[in-house]
Amino acid sequence: MPEAESEPTCPLCSKPIRAGMGTARVGSIVAHLRCLARQTGLRSLELEERAAELVRRARRATAESARLRTEGTPVALTGRLTAFDAATRRVKVGVIDLTVPDDVPLGDLRLGMSVIVTGRRVGECLVATAITIRPPGWM
């Protein structure tokens, strides 16, 4: 019986490691090769699953980034019209140049008016989506 007690036990499956069995030793730890192979296979499946999730997240992030690049980043600004050209549909609010699409009405805009502009930044360009004239005395 003393021999049975001296047999090492596999830390992965808790079964005894008998002489002649395939084993691996890492430092003072000895385990069955089949247990290590199973453990490695399970870890590999976990890593594959995690990698697939990371790829899905990266694809979603790439699609969102592309959407934001095409739609542009929202912007809002307020100030006085310092330049206004109805023919080219370009305005300048303070020192900021904006392009005004055809679907945005120019109404009664005149130089020096206080306005609120909302729009989008597309690349380096600012595109106005709405221009509102601020009432006199509005803060």
N, C-alpha and C. Protein backbone atom coordinates (compact mmCIF):
# COMPACT_ATOMS: atom_id res chain seq x y z
N MET A 1 0.80 -1.21 0.00
CA MET A 1 0.00 0.00 0.00
C MET A 1 0.84 1.27 0.00
N PRO A 2 2.01 1.30 0.60
CA PRO A 2 2.77 2.53 0.59
C PRO A 2 3.10 2.99 -0.81
N GLU A 3 3.26 2.05 -1.79
CA GLU A 3 3.55 2.46 -3.16
C GLU A 3 2.41 3.24 -3.77
N ALA A 4 1.17 2.83 -3.52
CA ALA A 4 0.00 3.50 -4.08
C ALA A 4 -0.08 4.94 -3.58
N GLU A 5 0.31 5.18 -2.35
CA GLU A 5 0.25 6.52 -1.80
C GLU A 5 1.32 7.41 -2.42
N SER A 6 2.43 6.82 -2.88
CA SER A 6 3.50 7.62 -3.44
C SER A 6 3.28 7.96 -4.91
N GLU A 7 2.28 7.34 -5.54
CA GLU A 7 2.00 7.67 -6.94
C GLU A 7 1.53 9.12 -7.04
N PRO A 8 2.11 9.88 -7.96
CA PRO A 8 1.63 11.26 -8.12
C PRO A 8 0.21 11.28 -8.70
N THR A 9 -0.50 12.36 -8.45
CA THR A 9 -1.87 12.53 -8.94
C THR A 9 -1.87 13.66 -9.97
N CYS A 10 -2.58 13.44 -11.05
CA CYS A 10 -2.70 14.47 -12.10
C CYS A 10 -3.55 15.62 -11.54
N PRO A 11 -3.04 16.84 -11.54
CA PRO A 11 -3.80 17.97 -10.99
C PRO A 11 -5.01 18.36 -11.87
N LEU A 12 -5.06 17.86 -13.11
CA LEU A 12 -6.16 18.21 -14.01
C LEU A 12 -7.35 17.27 -13.90
N CYS A 13 -7.06 15.97 -13.70
CA CYS A 13 -8.17 15.00 -13.63
C CYS A 13 -8.27 14.30 -12.28
N SER A 14 -7.30 14.54 -11.39
CA SER A 14 -7.25 13.95 -10.04
C SER A 14 -7.08 12.43 -10.04
N LYS A 15 -6.69 11.84 -11.14
CA LYS A 15 -6.44 10.40 -11.19
C LYS A 15 -4.95 10.16 -10.98
N PRO A 16 -4.60 8.95 -10.50
CA PRO A 16 -3.18 8.67 -10.27
C PRO A 16 -2.40 8.57 -11.59
N ILE A 17 -1.16 8.96 -11.53
CA ILE A 17 -0.26 8.84 -12.68
C ILE A 17 0.57 7.59 -12.44
N ARG A 18 0.34 6.57 -13.26
CA ARG A 18 1.04 5.29 -13.10
C ARG A 18 2.28 5.26 -14.00
N ALA A 19 3.19 4.42 -13.66
CA ALA A 19 4.42 4.26 -14.44
C ALA A 19 4.07 3.86 -15.87
N GLY A 20 4.75 4.43 -16.83
CA GLY A 20 4.55 4.10 -18.23
C GLY A 20 3.49 4.97 -18.91
N MET A 21 2.78 5.79 -18.16
CA MET A 21 1.77 6.69 -18.77
C MET A 21 2.48 7.91 -19.34
N GLY A 22 1.92 8.47 -20.40
CA GLY A 22 2.49 9.68 -20.99
C GLY A 22 2.26 10.85 -20.05
N THR A 23 3.33 11.49 -19.65
CA THR A 23 3.22 12.61 -18.72
C THR A 23 4.07 13.78 -19.18
N ALA A 24 3.80 14.89 -18.60
CA ALA A 24 4.61 16.08 -18.84
C ALA A 24 4.89 16.72 -17.48
N ARG A 25 6.06 17.27 -17.35
CA ARG A 25 6.45 17.89 -16.08
C ARG A 25 6.76 19.36 -16.34
N VAL A 26 6.16 20.20 -15.52
CA VAL A 26 6.48 21.63 -15.53
C VAL A 26 6.87 21.97 -14.11
N GLY A 27 8.13 22.20 -13.90
CA GLY A 27 8.63 22.42 -12.54
C GLY A 27 8.39 21.19 -11.71
N SER A 28 7.68 21.33 -10.61
CA SER A 28 7.39 20.18 -9.75
C SER A 28 6.03 19.56 -10.06
N ILE A 29 5.31 20.08 -11.04
CA ILE A 29 3.98 19.58 -11.38
C ILE A 29 4.07 18.57 -12.51
N VAL A 30 3.42 17.40 -12.33
CA VAL A 30 3.38 16.35 -13.34
C VAL A 30 1.91 16.11 -13.67
N ALA A 31 1.58 16.01 -14.98
CA ALA A 31 0.20 15.78 -15.41
C ALA A 31 0.19 14.81 -16.57
N HIS A 32 -0.98 14.16 -16.78
CA HIS A 32 -1.16 13.28 -17.93
C HIS A 32 -1.08 14.11 -19.22
N LEU A 33 -0.45 13.55 -20.25
CA LEU A 33 -0.40 14.23 -21.55
C LEU A 33 -1.80 14.41 -22.12
N ARG A 34 -2.66 13.38 -21.99
CA ARG A 34 -4.01 13.48 -22.54
C ARG A 34 -4.80 14.60 -21.85
N CYS A 35 -4.57 14.78 -20.55
CA CYS A 35 -5.25 15.86 -19.82
C CYS A 35 -4.76 17.23 -20.30
N LEU A 36 -3.45 17.33 -20.49
CA LEU A 36 -2.89 18.59 -21.01
C LEU A 36 -3.41 18.88 -22.42
N ALA A 37 -3.50 17.83 -23.25
CA ALA A 37 -4.00 18.01 -24.62
C ALA A 37 -5.45 18.47 -24.60
N ARG A 38 -6.27 17.87 -23.74
CA ARG A 38 -7.69 18.26 -23.63
C ARG A 38 -7.79 19.71 -23.14
N GLN A 39 -6.98 20.04 -22.12
CA GLN A 39 -6.98 21.40 -21.57
C GLN A 39 -6.57 22.40 -22.64
N THR A 40 -5.55 22.05 -23.42
CA THR A 40 -5.08 22.93 -24.49
C THR A 40 -6.15 23.09 -25.56
N GLY A 41 -6.83 21.99 -25.90
CA GLY A 41 -7.91 22.07 -26.89
C GLY A 41 -9.05 22.96 -26.42
N LEU A 42 -9.43 22.85 -25.14
CA LEU A 42 -10.49 23.70 -24.60
C LEU A 42 -10.06 25.16 -24.60
N ARG A 43 -8.83 25.41 -24.22
CA ARG A 43 -8.31 26.79 -24.21
C ARG A 43 -8.29 27.34 -25.63
N SER A 44 -7.93 26.49 -26.58
CA SER A 44 -7.91 26.90 -27.98
C SER A 44 -9.31 27.30 -28.45
N LEU A 45 -10.32 26.53 -28.07
CA LEU A 45 -11.70 26.88 -28.42
C LEU A 45 -12.11 28.20 -27.81
N GLU A 46 -11.72 28.44 -26.55
CA GLU A 46 -12.02 29.71 -25.89
C GLU A 46 -11.38 30.87 -26.64
N LEU A 47 -10.12 30.68 -27.02
CA LEU A 47 -9.41 31.74 -27.73
C LEU A 47 -10.02 32.00 -29.10
N GLU A 48 -10.43 30.94 -29.79
CA GLU A 48 -11.08 31.12 -31.10
C GLU A 48 -12.38 31.90 -30.95
N GLU A 49 -13.16 31.56 -29.92
CA GLU A 49 -14.42 32.25 -29.67
C GLU A 49 -14.17 33.72 -29.35
N ARG A 50 -13.18 33.98 -28.52
CA ARG A 50 -12.85 35.38 -28.18
C ARG A 50 -12.37 36.14 -29.41
N ALA A 51 -11.53 35.48 -30.22
CA ALA A 51 -11.04 36.13 -31.43
C ALA A 51 -12.19 36.44 -32.39
N ALA A 52 -13.14 35.52 -32.52
CA ALA A 52 -14.29 35.76 -33.40
C ALA A 52 -15.11 36.95 -32.89
N GLU A 53 -15.28 37.05 -31.56
CA GLU A 53 -16.02 38.18 -30.99
C GLU A 53 -15.27 39.49 -31.24
N LEU A 54 -13.96 39.47 -31.10
CA LEU A 54 -13.16 40.68 -31.37
C LEU A 54 -13.25 41.08 -32.84
N VAL A 55 -13.27 40.12 -33.74
CA VAL A 55 -13.42 40.42 -35.17
C VAL A 55 -14.79 41.04 -35.43
N ARG A 56 -15.84 40.48 -34.80
CA ARG A 56 -17.19 41.07 -34.96
C ARG A 56 -17.23 42.50 -34.45
N ARG A 57 -16.61 42.74 -33.28
CA ARG A 57 -16.59 44.10 -32.73
C ARG A 57 -15.81 45.05 -33.64
N ALA A 58 -14.70 44.58 -34.19
CA ALA A 58 -13.89 45.41 -35.09
C ALA A 58 -14.67 45.75 -36.35
N ARG A 59 -15.42 44.79 -36.88
CA ARG A 59 -16.23 45.05 -38.08
C ARG A 59 -17.32 46.08 -37.78
N ARG A 60 -17.97 45.96 -36.61
CA ARG A 60 -18.99 46.94 -36.23
C ARG A 60 -18.38 48.32 -36.08
N ALA A 61 -17.21 48.40 -35.45
CA ALA A 61 -16.53 49.68 -35.26
C ALA A 61 -16.12 50.29 -36.60
N THR A 62 -15.66 49.46 -37.51
CA THR A 62 -15.27 49.93 -38.84
C THR A 62 -16.49 50.47 -39.59
N ALA A 63 -17.60 49.75 -39.50
CA ALA A 63 -18.83 50.20 -40.17
C ALA A 63 -19.32 51.51 -39.56
N GLU A 64 -19.26 51.63 -38.23
CA GLU A 64 -19.70 52.87 -37.57
C GLU A 64 -18.79 54.03 -37.96
N SER A 65 -17.49 53.76 -38.02
CA SER A 65 -16.54 54.80 -38.43
C SER A 65 -16.81 55.26 -39.86
N ALA A 66 -17.07 54.31 -40.75
CA ALA A 66 -17.37 54.66 -42.14
C ALA A 66 -18.67 55.47 -42.22
N ARG A 67 -19.67 55.07 -41.43
CA ARG A 67 -20.94 55.81 -41.40
C ARG A 67 -20.72 57.24 -40.93
N LEU A 68 -19.94 57.41 -39.87
CA LEU A 68 -19.68 58.75 -39.35
C LEU A 68 -18.90 59.60 -40.35
N ARG A 69 -17.97 58.94 -41.09
CA ARG A 69 -17.21 59.71 -42.09
C ARG A 69 -18.11 60.21 -43.21
N THR A 70 -19.09 59.39 -43.61
CA THR A 70 -19.97 59.82 -44.71
C THR A 70 -21.04 60.78 -44.22
N GLU A 71 -21.55 60.56 -43.01
CA GLU A 71 -22.57 61.47 -42.48
C GLU A 71 -21.94 62.72 -41.92
N GLY A 72 -20.76 62.62 -41.41
CA GLY A 72 -20.08 63.75 -40.82
C GLY A 72 -20.39 63.87 -39.33
N THR A 73 -19.56 64.67 -38.68
CA THR A 73 -19.73 64.92 -37.25
C THR A 73 -20.64 66.12 -37.06
N PRO A 74 -21.63 66.04 -36.16
CA PRO A 74 -22.52 67.18 -35.96
C PRO A 74 -21.77 68.38 -35.37
N VAL A 75 -22.13 69.56 -35.83
CA VAL A 75 -21.56 70.80 -35.31
C VAL A 75 -22.68 71.82 -35.12
N ALA A 76 -22.45 72.74 -34.22
CA ALA A 76 -23.37 73.87 -34.01
C ALA A 76 -22.50 75.07 -33.67
N LEU A 77 -22.87 76.21 -34.21
CA LEU A 77 -22.14 77.43 -33.89
C LEU A 77 -23.08 78.62 -33.96
N THR A 78 -22.67 79.67 -33.32
CA THR A 78 -23.46 80.89 -33.32
C THR A 78 -22.52 82.07 -33.51
N GLY A 79 -22.99 83.10 -34.14
CA GLY A 79 -22.17 84.28 -34.38
C GLY A 79 -22.80 85.17 -35.44
N ARG A 80 -22.02 86.11 -35.92
CA ARG A 80 -22.50 87.05 -36.95
C ARG A 80 -22.03 86.61 -38.32
N LEU A 81 -22.91 86.87 -39.32
CA LEU A 81 -22.53 86.59 -40.71
C LEU A 81 -21.50 87.63 -41.14
N THR A 82 -20.29 87.17 -41.45
CA THR A 82 -19.23 88.08 -41.88
C THR A 82 -19.01 88.00 -43.39
N ALA A 83 -19.58 86.98 -44.03
CA ALA A 83 -19.53 86.87 -45.49
C ALA A 83 -20.75 86.05 -45.90
N PHE A 84 -21.33 86.45 -47.05
CA PHE A 84 -22.54 85.77 -47.51
C PHE A 84 -22.61 85.88 -49.03
N ASP A 85 -22.64 84.74 -49.72
CA ASP A 85 -22.74 84.73 -51.17
C ASP A 85 -23.85 83.74 -51.55
N ALA A 86 -25.02 84.27 -51.89
CA ALA A 86 -26.18 83.44 -52.21
C ALA A 86 -25.93 82.63 -53.48
N ALA A 87 -25.19 83.19 -54.44
CA ALA A 87 -24.96 82.50 -55.71
C ALA A 87 -24.13 81.21 -55.51
N THR A 88 -23.09 81.27 -54.71
CA THR A 88 -22.24 80.10 -54.49
C THR A 88 -22.67 79.31 -53.26
N ARG A 89 -23.64 79.88 -52.52
CA ARG A 89 -24.18 79.27 -51.30
C ARG A 89 -23.07 79.01 -50.29
N ARG A 90 -22.23 80.04 -50.12
CA ARG A 90 -21.17 80.02 -49.11
C ARG A 90 -21.46 81.14 -48.10
N VAL A 91 -21.31 80.81 -46.83
CA VAL A 91 -21.45 81.81 -45.78
C VAL A 91 -20.25 81.70 -44.85
N LYS A 92 -20.02 82.78 -44.12
CA LYS A 92 -18.97 82.77 -43.11
C LYS A 92 -19.60 83.31 -41.84
N VAL A 93 -19.51 82.52 -40.78
CA VAL A 93 -20.00 82.94 -39.47
C VAL A 93 -18.77 83.18 -38.62
N GLY A 94 -18.54 84.44 -38.27
CA GLY A 94 -17.28 84.80 -37.60
C GLY A 94 -16.14 84.51 -38.56
N VAL A 95 -15.30 83.55 -38.25
CA VAL A 95 -14.17 83.19 -39.12
C VAL A 95 -14.35 81.80 -39.72
N ILE A 96 -15.54 81.21 -39.52
CA ILE A 96 -15.80 79.84 -39.98
C ILE A 96 -16.54 79.85 -41.31
N ASP A 97 -15.94 79.21 -42.34
CA ASP A 97 -16.58 79.08 -43.66
C ASP A 97 -17.49 77.88 -43.67
N LEU A 98 -18.67 78.06 -44.27
CA LEU A 98 -19.63 76.97 -44.40
C LEU A 98 -20.20 76.92 -45.80
N THR A 99 -20.53 75.71 -46.24
CA THR A 99 -21.26 75.51 -47.49
C THR A 99 -22.72 75.28 -47.11
N VAL A 100 -23.61 75.87 -47.90
CA VAL A 100 -25.05 75.73 -47.63
C VAL A 100 -25.68 74.96 -48.79
N PRO A 101 -26.17 73.74 -48.55
CA PRO A 101 -26.80 72.96 -49.61
C PRO A 101 -28.06 73.65 -50.14
N ASP A 102 -28.51 73.23 -51.33
CA ASP A 102 -29.68 73.84 -51.96
C ASP A 102 -30.96 73.67 -51.14
N ASP A 103 -31.05 72.62 -50.34
CA ASP A 103 -32.29 72.39 -49.59
C ASP A 103 -32.39 73.22 -48.31
N VAL A 104 -31.35 74.00 -47.98
CA VAL A 104 -31.39 74.87 -46.81
C VAL A 104 -31.74 76.29 -47.28
N PRO A 105 -32.91 76.82 -46.84
CA PRO A 105 -33.32 78.15 -47.29
C PRO A 105 -32.41 79.24 -46.73
N LEU A 106 -32.11 80.22 -47.59
CA LEU A 106 -31.28 81.35 -47.16
C LEU A 106 -32.13 82.48 -46.60
N GLY A 107 -33.40 82.50 -46.96
CA GLY A 107 -34.35 83.47 -46.41
C GLY A 107 -33.86 84.90 -46.49
N ASP A 108 -33.95 85.60 -45.36
CA ASP A 108 -33.61 87.03 -45.29
C ASP A 108 -32.21 87.27 -44.73
N LEU A 109 -31.29 86.37 -44.98
CA LEU A 109 -29.95 86.52 -44.43
C LEU A 109 -29.25 87.74 -45.03
N ARG A 110 -28.58 88.50 -44.13
CA ARG A 110 -27.79 89.66 -44.55
C ARG A 110 -26.53 89.70 -43.70
N LEU A 111 -25.51 90.34 -44.24
CA LEU A 111 -24.26 90.49 -43.49
C LEU A 111 -24.53 91.17 -42.15
N GLY A 112 -23.82 90.74 -41.12
CA GLY A 112 -23.93 91.35 -39.80
C GLY A 112 -25.01 90.73 -38.92
N MET A 113 -25.90 89.90 -39.50
CA MET A 113 -26.96 89.28 -38.69
C MET A 113 -26.36 88.24 -37.75
N SER A 114 -26.97 88.13 -36.56
CA SER A 114 -26.60 87.07 -35.64
C SER A 114 -27.38 85.82 -36.03
N VAL A 115 -26.67 84.70 -36.15
CA VAL A 115 -27.32 83.46 -36.58
C VAL A 115 -26.86 82.29 -35.71
N ILE A 116 -27.67 81.25 -35.74
CA ILE A 116 -27.32 79.96 -35.16
C ILE A 116 -27.27 78.99 -36.34
N VAL A 117 -26.17 78.28 -36.47
CA VAL A 117 -26.01 77.34 -37.58
C VAL A 117 -25.79 75.95 -37.01
N THR A 118 -26.55 74.99 -37.50
CA THR A 118 -26.29 73.59 -37.19
C THR A 118 -25.89 72.92 -38.49
N GLY A 119 -25.06 71.91 -38.38
CA GLY A 119 -24.61 71.23 -39.59
C GLY A 119 -23.75 70.04 -39.27
N ARG A 120 -22.93 69.68 -40.24
CA ARG A 120 -22.05 68.51 -40.12
C ARG A 120 -20.68 68.85 -40.68
N ARG A 121 -19.67 68.26 -40.04
CA ARG A 121 -18.31 68.35 -40.56
C ARG A 121 -18.09 67.10 -41.40
N VAL A 122 -17.84 67.29 -42.68
CA VAL A 122 -17.56 66.18 -43.59
C VAL A 122 -16.14 66.41 -44.10
N GLY A 123 -15.22 65.63 -43.56
CA GLY A 123 -13.80 65.85 -43.88
C GLY A 123 -13.38 67.18 -43.29
N GLU A 124 -12.85 68.06 -44.13
CA GLU A 124 -12.44 69.39 -43.69
C GLU A 124 -13.53 70.43 -43.90
N CYS A 125 -14.62 70.06 -44.56
CA CYS A 125 -15.68 71.01 -44.89
C CYS A 125 -16.77 71.02 -43.82
N LEU A 126 -17.34 72.19 -43.60
CA LEU A 126 -18.51 72.32 -42.75
C LEU A 126 -19.70 72.57 -43.66
N VAL A 127 -20.76 71.78 -43.48
CA VAL A 127 -21.96 71.89 -44.30
C VAL A 127 -23.12 72.26 -43.38
N ALA A 128 -23.77 73.39 -43.66
CA ALA A 128 -24.89 73.85 -42.84
C ALA A 128 -26.13 73.02 -43.17
N THR A 129 -26.85 72.58 -42.14
CA THR A 129 -28.11 71.89 -42.36
C THR A 129 -29.29 72.77 -41.95
N ALA A 130 -29.02 73.82 -41.17
CA ALA A 130 -30.06 74.79 -40.80
C ALA A 130 -29.40 76.08 -40.36
N ILE A 131 -30.01 77.19 -40.75
CA ILE A 131 -29.53 78.51 -40.32
C ILE A 131 -30.72 79.24 -39.73
N THR A 132 -30.60 79.67 -38.48
CA THR A 132 -31.68 80.37 -37.80
C THR A 132 -31.19 81.77 -37.45
N ILE A 133 -31.99 82.79 -37.77
CA ILE A 133 -31.65 84.16 -37.42
C ILE A 133 -31.98 84.36 -35.94
N ARG A 134 -30.99 84.87 -35.21
CA ARG A 134 -31.22 85.12 -33.78
C ARG A 134 -31.97 86.43 -33.63
N PRO A 135 -32.97 86.48 -32.75
CA PRO A 135 -33.69 87.73 -32.53
C PRO A 135 -32.78 88.77 -31.85
N PRO A 136 -33.05 90.06 -32.06
CA PRO A 136 -32.22 91.09 -31.41
C PRO A 136 -32.27 90.95 -29.89
N GLY A 137 -31.10 91.11 -29.25
CA GLY A 137 -31.02 91.03 -27.80
C GLY A 137 -30.94 89.61 -27.26
N TRP A 138 -30.96 88.63 -28.16
CA TRP A 138 -30.88 87.23 -27.72
C TRP A 138 -29.48 86.93 -27.23
N MET A 139 -29.34 86.25 -26.14
CA MET A 139 -28.01 85.94 -25.60
C MET A 139 -27.64 84.55 -25.90
